[in-house]
Amino acid sequence: MKPIRLIAVALIASISLLLLSGCSSAIGGIFIGLAYDQLMSVETSRINVENVSGVLYLRQGESFQLQIMHRQLIDNNYGRTYYEEYVTEECSYYTSAPLVARVSRSGQIEAISRGTATISAVFKLPLQKADQAHLTVVVE
């Protein structure tokens, strides 16, 4: 790990401990989550495409509605657990090949013409890194 990054992680961890000792536990939890992500390689937040895995095959003219699940690591008195919720409507969507497959603001994929496209879903919470999920769409 680069020295500057190590110093930044140590600073985040120190601020987190100070916040948790006397201030808002929600703010402290965000800082601890960032420190876990950076220092320990623990994924505190992630999104997944729930209703298809791997590659989605569609024919021209077909459509498919994505379902995106957000999992957030929660530290509480009972240990570590994941809080889960569907965030399909809150995500931003992008396509690598709009002439092959389009994706609407609500996560509806529409197959346009033959080829392959990568659909990306991005979910952003305040003060946290954005979570991303990707799906390969093959239009036959």
N, C-alpha and C. Protein backbone atom coordinates (compact mmCIF):
# COMPACT_ATOMS: atom_id res chain seq x y z
N MET A 1 0.85 -1.17 0.00
CA MET A 1 0.00 0.00 0.00
C MET A 1 0.90 1.24 0.00
N LYS A 2 0.55 2.23 -0.80
CA LYS A 2 1.34 3.45 -0.90
C LYS A 2 1.28 4.23 0.41
N PRO A 3 2.39 4.90 0.78
CA PRO A 3 2.44 5.62 2.06
C PRO A 3 1.33 6.65 2.21
N ILE A 4 1.03 7.40 1.17
CA ILE A 4 -0.01 8.43 1.27
C ILE A 4 -1.37 7.79 1.52
N ARG A 5 -1.65 6.69 0.84
CA ARG A 5 -2.92 5.99 1.03
C ARG A 5 -3.01 5.42 2.45
N LEU A 6 -1.90 4.91 2.97
CA LEU A 6 -1.87 4.36 4.32
C LEU A 6 -2.14 5.46 5.35
N ILE A 7 -1.56 6.64 5.14
CA ILE A 7 -1.81 7.77 6.03
C ILE A 7 -3.28 8.18 5.98
N ALA A 8 -3.85 8.21 4.79
CA ALA A 8 -5.27 8.58 4.65
C ALA A 8 -6.16 7.58 5.36
N VAL A 9 -5.87 6.30 5.23
CA VAL A 9 -6.67 5.26 5.90
C VAL A 9 -6.54 5.40 7.41
N ALA A 10 -5.32 5.64 7.90
CA ALA A 10 -5.12 5.82 9.34
C ALA A 10 -5.89 7.04 9.84
N LEU A 11 -5.91 8.10 9.06
CA LEU A 11 -6.65 9.31 9.43
C LEU A 11 -8.14 9.03 9.50
N ILE A 12 -8.66 8.33 8.51
CA ILE A 12 -10.08 7.98 8.50
C ILE A 12 -10.42 7.13 9.71
N ALA A 13 -9.58 6.15 10.02
CA ALA A 13 -9.83 5.29 11.17
C ALA A 13 -9.81 6.09 12.46
N SER A 14 -8.87 7.03 12.61
CA SER A 14 -8.78 7.85 13.82
C SER A 14 -10.00 8.73 13.98
N ILE A 15 -10.42 9.37 12.91
CA ILE A 15 -11.62 10.20 12.95
C ILE A 15 -12.83 9.35 13.31
N SER A 16 -12.90 8.15 12.76
CA SER A 16 -14.01 7.25 13.05
C SER A 16 -14.09 6.93 14.53
N LEU A 17 -12.95 6.63 15.14
CA LEU A 17 -12.95 6.33 16.58
C LEU A 17 -13.37 7.53 17.40
N LEU A 18 -12.92 8.72 17.03
CA LEU A 18 -13.33 9.93 17.74
C LEU A 18 -14.83 10.17 17.62
N LEU A 19 -15.35 9.99 16.42
CA LEU A 19 -16.78 10.20 16.21
C LEU A 19 -17.61 9.19 16.98
N LEU A 20 -17.17 7.94 16.97
CA LEU A 20 -17.92 6.91 17.67
C LEU A 20 -17.89 7.10 19.18
N SER A 21 -16.84 7.70 19.69
CA SER A 21 -16.74 7.85 21.13
C SER A 21 -17.64 8.96 21.67
N GLY A 22 -18.05 9.91 20.82
CA GLY A 22 -18.85 10.98 21.38
C GLY A 22 -19.86 11.59 20.43
N CYS A 23 -19.80 11.28 19.15
CA CYS A 23 -20.67 11.93 18.20
C CYS A 23 -21.62 10.92 17.57
N SER A 24 -22.17 11.31 16.48
CA SER A 24 -23.15 10.49 15.76
C SER A 24 -22.56 9.15 15.33
N SER A 25 -23.21 8.07 15.72
CA SER A 25 -22.72 6.75 15.33
C SER A 25 -22.94 6.51 13.84
N ALA A 26 -23.91 7.18 13.23
CA ALA A 26 -24.13 7.01 11.79
C ALA A 26 -22.95 7.58 11.01
N ILE A 27 -22.49 8.75 11.39
CA ILE A 27 -21.33 9.35 10.72
C ILE A 27 -20.09 8.51 10.97
N GLY A 28 -19.90 8.08 12.21
CA GLY A 28 -18.77 7.22 12.53
C GLY A 28 -18.82 5.92 11.75
N GLY A 29 -20.02 5.36 11.57
CA GLY A 29 -20.17 4.13 10.80
C GLY A 29 -19.75 4.29 9.36
N ILE A 30 -20.03 5.45 8.79
CA ILE A 30 -19.62 5.73 7.41
C ILE A 30 -18.09 5.76 7.32
N PHE A 31 -17.44 6.45 8.27
CA PHE A 31 -15.98 6.51 8.25
C PHE A 31 -15.36 5.13 8.47
N ILE A 32 -15.93 4.35 9.37
CA ILE A 32 -15.41 3.00 9.60
C ILE A 32 -15.60 2.15 8.35
N GLY A 33 -16.74 2.30 7.68
CA GLY A 33 -16.96 1.57 6.43
C GLY A 33 -15.92 1.91 5.39
N LEU A 34 -15.59 3.19 5.26
CA LEU A 34 -14.55 3.60 4.31
C LEU A 34 -13.20 3.02 4.69
N ALA A 35 -12.88 3.02 6.00
CA ALA A 35 -11.60 2.46 6.44
C ALA A 35 -11.55 0.96 6.18
N TYR A 36 -12.64 0.24 6.46
CA TYR A 36 -12.70 -1.20 6.16
C TYR A 36 -12.46 -1.45 4.68
N ASP A 37 -13.15 -0.67 3.84
CA ASP A 37 -13.01 -0.84 2.39
C ASP A 37 -11.55 -0.68 1.97
N GLN A 38 -10.89 0.34 2.49
CA GLN A 38 -9.54 0.66 2.05
C GLN A 38 -8.48 -0.23 2.69
N LEU A 39 -8.51 -0.35 3.99
CA LEU A 39 -7.43 -1.03 4.71
C LEU A 39 -7.60 -2.54 4.74
N MET A 40 -8.79 -3.00 5.03
CA MET A 40 -9.01 -4.42 5.26
C MET A 40 -9.56 -5.16 4.04
N SER A 41 -9.86 -4.44 2.98
CA SER A 41 -10.49 -5.03 1.79
C SER A 41 -11.79 -5.75 2.14
N VAL A 42 -12.53 -5.19 3.08
CA VAL A 42 -13.85 -5.71 3.44
C VAL A 42 -14.88 -4.89 2.68
N GLU A 43 -15.75 -5.56 1.97
CA GLU A 43 -16.76 -4.86 1.19
C GLU A 43 -17.95 -4.54 2.09
N THR A 44 -18.10 -3.26 2.45
CA THR A 44 -19.17 -2.86 3.36
C THR A 44 -20.47 -2.57 2.65
N SER A 45 -20.42 -2.34 1.35
CA SER A 45 -21.61 -2.03 0.57
C SER A 45 -21.42 -2.58 -0.83
N ARG A 46 -22.48 -3.20 -1.37
CA ARG A 46 -22.38 -3.71 -2.74
C ARG A 46 -23.77 -3.83 -3.34
N ILE A 47 -23.82 -3.84 -4.69
CA ILE A 47 -25.08 -4.10 -5.37
C ILE A 47 -24.89 -5.30 -6.30
N ASN A 48 -25.98 -6.01 -6.53
CA ASN A 48 -25.98 -7.17 -7.42
C ASN A 48 -27.22 -7.13 -8.29
N VAL A 49 -27.07 -7.66 -9.51
CA VAL A 49 -28.24 -7.91 -10.35
C VAL A 49 -28.85 -9.20 -9.83
N GLU A 50 -30.08 -9.15 -9.34
CA GLU A 50 -30.68 -10.29 -8.65
C GLU A 50 -31.38 -11.28 -9.58
N ASN A 51 -31.93 -10.84 -10.68
CA ASN A 51 -32.79 -11.72 -11.46
C ASN A 51 -32.13 -12.32 -12.69
N VAL A 52 -30.82 -12.19 -12.83
CA VAL A 52 -30.09 -12.85 -13.90
C VAL A 52 -28.61 -12.84 -13.52
N SER A 53 -27.90 -13.89 -13.87
CA SER A 53 -26.46 -13.91 -13.60
C SER A 53 -25.72 -14.30 -14.87
N GLY A 54 -24.48 -13.84 -14.96
CA GLY A 54 -23.68 -14.17 -16.13
C GLY A 54 -24.03 -13.32 -17.32
N VAL A 55 -24.58 -13.97 -18.34
CA VAL A 55 -24.89 -13.30 -19.60
C VAL A 55 -26.39 -13.37 -19.85
N LEU A 56 -26.98 -12.26 -20.27
CA LEU A 56 -28.39 -12.21 -20.62
C LEU A 56 -28.51 -12.28 -22.14
N TYR A 57 -29.25 -13.26 -22.65
CA TYR A 57 -29.47 -13.42 -24.09
C TYR A 57 -30.87 -12.93 -24.42
N LEU A 58 -30.96 -12.02 -25.38
CA LEU A 58 -32.24 -11.48 -25.82
C LEU A 58 -32.31 -11.53 -27.34
N ARG A 59 -33.52 -11.57 -27.87
CA ARG A 59 -33.73 -11.43 -29.31
C ARG A 59 -34.09 -9.98 -29.60
N GLN A 60 -33.86 -9.55 -30.82
CA GLN A 60 -34.20 -8.17 -31.20
C GLN A 60 -35.66 -7.90 -30.88
N GLY A 61 -35.90 -6.76 -30.25
CA GLY A 61 -37.26 -6.37 -29.89
C GLY A 61 -37.69 -6.81 -28.50
N GLU A 62 -36.97 -7.75 -27.89
CA GLU A 62 -37.32 -8.19 -26.54
C GLU A 62 -36.83 -7.17 -25.51
N SER A 63 -37.44 -7.25 -24.32
CA SER A 63 -37.00 -6.38 -23.23
C SER A 63 -36.90 -7.19 -21.95
N PHE A 64 -36.20 -6.63 -20.98
CA PHE A 64 -35.95 -7.31 -19.72
C PHE A 64 -35.82 -6.27 -18.62
N GLN A 65 -36.51 -6.47 -17.51
CA GLN A 65 -36.46 -5.54 -16.38
C GLN A 65 -35.44 -6.02 -15.35
N LEU A 66 -34.42 -5.18 -15.08
CA LEU A 66 -33.42 -5.51 -14.08
C LEU A 66 -34.00 -5.35 -12.67
N GLN A 67 -33.47 -6.13 -11.73
CA GLN A 67 -33.77 -5.97 -10.31
C GLN A 67 -32.42 -5.88 -9.59
N ILE A 68 -32.17 -4.74 -8.96
CA ILE A 68 -30.89 -4.48 -8.32
C ILE A 68 -31.07 -4.50 -6.80
N MET A 69 -30.25 -5.32 -6.12
CA MET A 69 -30.28 -5.45 -4.66
C MET A 69 -29.03 -4.79 -4.07
N HIS A 70 -29.24 -3.93 -3.06
CA HIS A 70 -28.13 -3.31 -2.33
C HIS A 70 -27.98 -4.03 -0.99
N ARG A 71 -26.75 -4.41 -0.67
CA ARG A 71 -26.44 -5.02 0.62
C ARG A 71 -25.44 -4.12 1.35
N GLN A 72 -25.80 -3.73 2.56
CA GLN A 72 -24.96 -2.84 3.37
C GLN A 72 -24.57 -3.57 4.64
N LEU A 73 -23.27 -3.65 4.94
CA LEU A 73 -22.77 -4.27 6.15
C LEU A 73 -23.13 -3.40 7.34
N ILE A 74 -23.77 -4.00 8.32
CA ILE A 74 -24.20 -3.28 9.52
C ILE A 74 -23.50 -3.91 10.72
N ASP A 75 -22.85 -3.08 11.52
CA ASP A 75 -22.23 -3.50 12.78
C ASP A 75 -23.17 -3.10 13.90
N ASN A 76 -23.65 -4.06 14.68
CA ASN A 76 -24.53 -3.72 15.79
C ASN A 76 -24.21 -4.60 17.00
N ASN A 77 -25.04 -4.56 18.02
CA ASN A 77 -24.81 -5.32 19.24
C ASN A 77 -24.85 -6.84 19.01
N TYR A 78 -25.44 -7.27 17.92
CA TYR A 78 -25.59 -8.70 17.64
C TYR A 78 -24.52 -9.22 16.69
N GLY A 79 -23.58 -8.39 16.30
CA GLY A 79 -22.54 -8.79 15.36
C GLY A 79 -22.70 -8.07 14.04
N ARG A 80 -22.10 -8.62 13.02
CA ARG A 80 -22.17 -8.03 11.69
C ARG A 80 -23.22 -8.75 10.86
N THR A 81 -24.08 -7.96 10.24
CA THR A 81 -25.10 -8.51 9.35
C THR A 81 -25.21 -7.59 8.14
N TYR A 82 -25.89 -8.07 7.11
CA TYR A 82 -26.14 -7.25 5.94
C TYR A 82 -27.60 -6.79 5.94
N TYR A 83 -27.79 -5.51 5.74
CA TYR A 83 -29.13 -4.95 5.50
C TYR A 83 -29.33 -4.99 4.00
N GLU A 84 -30.47 -5.49 3.53
CA GLU A 84 -30.72 -5.62 2.10
C GLU A 84 -31.97 -4.85 1.69
N GLU A 85 -31.90 -4.23 0.51
CA GLU A 85 -33.08 -3.56 -0.05
C GLU A 85 -32.92 -3.47 -1.57
N TYR A 86 -34.06 -3.51 -2.27
CA TYR A 86 -34.03 -3.32 -3.72
C TYR A 86 -33.88 -1.83 -4.01
N VAL A 87 -32.94 -1.51 -4.92
CA VAL A 87 -32.65 -0.12 -5.26
C VAL A 87 -32.73 0.11 -6.77
N THR A 88 -33.50 -0.71 -7.44
CA THR A 88 -33.60 -0.65 -8.90
C THR A 88 -33.91 0.76 -9.38
N GLU A 89 -34.87 1.40 -8.75
CA GLU A 89 -35.31 2.74 -9.17
C GLU A 89 -34.29 3.82 -8.82
N GLU A 90 -33.43 3.59 -7.84
CA GLU A 90 -32.47 4.60 -7.40
C GLU A 90 -31.15 4.56 -8.17
N CYS A 91 -30.95 3.54 -8.98
CA CYS A 91 -29.69 3.39 -9.71
C CYS A 91 -29.66 4.26 -10.97
N SER A 92 -28.44 4.54 -11.42
CA SER A 92 -28.22 5.14 -12.73
C SER A 92 -27.74 4.02 -13.64
N TYR A 93 -28.17 4.02 -14.90
CA TYR A 93 -27.84 2.93 -15.82
C TYR A 93 -27.11 3.46 -17.04
N TYR A 94 -26.18 2.64 -17.54
CA TYR A 94 -25.39 2.99 -18.71
C TYR A 94 -25.25 1.77 -19.60
N THR A 95 -25.13 1.99 -20.90
CA THR A 95 -24.88 0.91 -21.84
C THR A 95 -23.62 1.22 -22.63
N SER A 96 -22.85 0.18 -22.92
CA SER A 96 -21.62 0.38 -23.69
C SER A 96 -21.90 0.44 -25.18
N ALA A 97 -23.07 -0.02 -25.60
CA ALA A 97 -23.41 -0.05 -27.03
C ALA A 97 -24.90 0.27 -27.21
N PRO A 98 -25.26 1.56 -27.26
CA PRO A 98 -26.67 1.94 -27.35
C PRO A 98 -27.36 1.49 -28.64
N LEU A 99 -26.60 1.16 -29.67
CA LEU A 99 -27.21 0.65 -30.90
C LEU A 99 -27.55 -0.83 -30.79
N VAL A 100 -27.02 -1.51 -29.77
CA VAL A 100 -27.29 -2.93 -29.54
C VAL A 100 -28.37 -3.09 -28.47
N ALA A 101 -28.20 -2.42 -27.33
CA ALA A 101 -29.16 -2.52 -26.23
C ALA A 101 -29.26 -1.18 -25.52
N ARG A 102 -30.49 -0.75 -25.28
CA ARG A 102 -30.75 0.47 -24.53
C ARG A 102 -31.18 0.09 -23.12
N VAL A 103 -30.97 0.99 -22.19
CA VAL A 103 -31.45 0.77 -20.83
C VAL A 103 -32.11 2.06 -20.35
N SER A 104 -33.31 1.92 -19.80
CA SER A 104 -34.07 3.09 -19.35
C SER A 104 -33.63 3.50 -17.95
N ARG A 105 -34.15 4.62 -17.48
CA ARG A 105 -33.85 5.12 -16.14
C ARG A 105 -34.37 4.17 -15.06
N SER A 106 -35.33 3.33 -15.41
CA SER A 106 -35.90 2.40 -14.43
C SER A 106 -35.27 1.01 -14.52
N GLY A 107 -34.26 0.83 -15.38
CA GLY A 107 -33.58 -0.46 -15.49
C GLY A 107 -34.18 -1.42 -16.50
N GLN A 108 -34.99 -0.93 -17.39
CA GLN A 108 -35.59 -1.77 -18.45
C GLN A 108 -34.63 -1.82 -19.63
N ILE A 109 -34.17 -3.05 -19.96
CA ILE A 109 -33.26 -3.23 -21.09
C ILE A 109 -34.08 -3.55 -22.33
N GLU A 110 -33.76 -2.91 -23.45
CA GLU A 110 -34.44 -3.17 -24.72
C GLU A 110 -33.40 -3.59 -25.75
N ALA A 111 -33.59 -4.77 -26.35
CA ALA A 111 -32.68 -5.29 -27.37
C ALA A 111 -32.99 -4.60 -28.70
N ILE A 112 -32.00 -3.93 -29.29
CA ILE A 112 -32.20 -3.15 -30.51
C ILE A 112 -31.71 -3.92 -31.74
N SER A 113 -30.44 -4.31 -31.74
CA SER A 113 -29.88 -5.01 -32.90
C SER A 113 -28.83 -6.01 -32.43
N ARG A 114 -28.44 -6.89 -33.35
CA ARG A 114 -27.50 -7.96 -33.01
C ARG A 114 -26.17 -7.39 -32.51
N GLY A 115 -25.62 -8.06 -31.49
CA GLY A 115 -24.34 -7.64 -30.95
C GLY A 115 -24.28 -7.88 -29.46
N THR A 116 -23.25 -7.30 -28.84
CA THR A 116 -23.03 -7.46 -27.40
C THR A 116 -22.87 -6.09 -26.77
N ALA A 117 -23.47 -5.93 -25.60
CA ALA A 117 -23.37 -4.67 -24.85
C ALA A 117 -23.16 -5.00 -23.38
N THR A 118 -22.52 -4.10 -22.68
CA THR A 118 -22.40 -4.21 -21.23
C THR A 118 -23.29 -3.16 -20.60
N ILE A 119 -24.20 -3.61 -19.74
CA ILE A 119 -25.08 -2.71 -19.01
C ILE A 119 -24.49 -2.52 -17.63
N SER A 120 -24.35 -1.28 -17.20
CA SER A 120 -23.81 -0.97 -15.88
C SER A 120 -24.87 -0.28 -15.05
N ALA A 121 -25.00 -0.72 -13.79
CA ALA A 121 -25.88 -0.08 -12.82
C ALA A 121 -24.98 0.54 -11.76
N VAL A 122 -25.25 1.79 -11.40
CA VAL A 122 -24.46 2.50 -10.41
C VAL A 122 -25.40 3.00 -9.32
N PHE A 123 -25.04 2.68 -8.07
CA PHE A 123 -25.83 3.11 -6.91
C PHE A 123 -24.93 3.92 -6.01
N LYS A 124 -25.37 5.12 -5.62
CA LYS A 124 -24.54 6.02 -4.81
C LYS A 124 -25.29 6.45 -3.57
N LEU A 125 -24.66 6.24 -2.41
CA LEU A 125 -25.16 6.76 -1.14
C LEU A 125 -24.32 7.97 -0.75
N PRO A 126 -24.89 8.93 -0.03
CA PRO A 126 -24.09 10.08 0.40
C PRO A 126 -22.89 9.65 1.24
N LEU A 127 -21.74 10.26 1.02
CA LEU A 127 -20.51 10.04 1.76
C LEU A 127 -19.93 8.63 1.60
N GLN A 128 -20.37 7.87 0.60
CA GLN A 128 -19.80 6.55 0.37
C GLN A 128 -19.43 6.42 -1.09
N LYS A 129 -18.55 5.48 -1.36
CA LYS A 129 -18.17 5.23 -2.74
C LYS A 129 -19.37 4.64 -3.48
N ALA A 130 -19.43 4.85 -4.77
CA ALA A 130 -20.52 4.32 -5.57
C ALA A 130 -20.32 2.82 -5.77
N ASP A 131 -21.41 2.06 -5.67
CA ASP A 131 -21.38 0.63 -5.95
C ASP A 131 -21.82 0.42 -7.39
N GLN A 132 -21.19 -0.55 -8.05
CA GLN A 132 -21.51 -0.83 -9.45
C GLN A 132 -21.75 -2.31 -9.67
N ALA A 133 -22.62 -2.61 -10.62
CA ALA A 133 -22.84 -3.98 -11.08
C ALA A 133 -22.88 -3.93 -12.60
N HIS A 134 -22.39 -4.98 -13.23
CA HIS A 134 -22.33 -5.03 -14.70
C HIS A 134 -22.96 -6.32 -15.19
N LEU A 135 -23.60 -6.24 -16.35
CA LEU A 135 -24.24 -7.38 -16.98
C LEU A 135 -23.95 -7.35 -18.47
N THR A 136 -23.54 -8.48 -19.01
CA THR A 136 -23.32 -8.59 -20.46
C THR A 136 -24.62 -9.00 -21.11
N VAL A 137 -25.03 -8.27 -22.13
CA VAL A 137 -26.25 -8.56 -22.88
C VAL A 137 -25.86 -8.93 -24.30
N VAL A 138 -26.31 -10.10 -24.73
CA VAL A 138 -26.07 -10.55 -26.11
C VAL A 138 -27.40 -10.54 -26.83
N VAL A 139 -27.49 -9.77 -27.91
CA VAL A 139 -28.71 -9.69 -28.71
C VAL A 139 -28.50 -10.55 -29.94
N GLU A 140 -29.38 -11.51 -30.11
CA GLU A 140 -29.28 -12.46 -31.23
C GLU A 140 -30.25 -12.09 -32.34
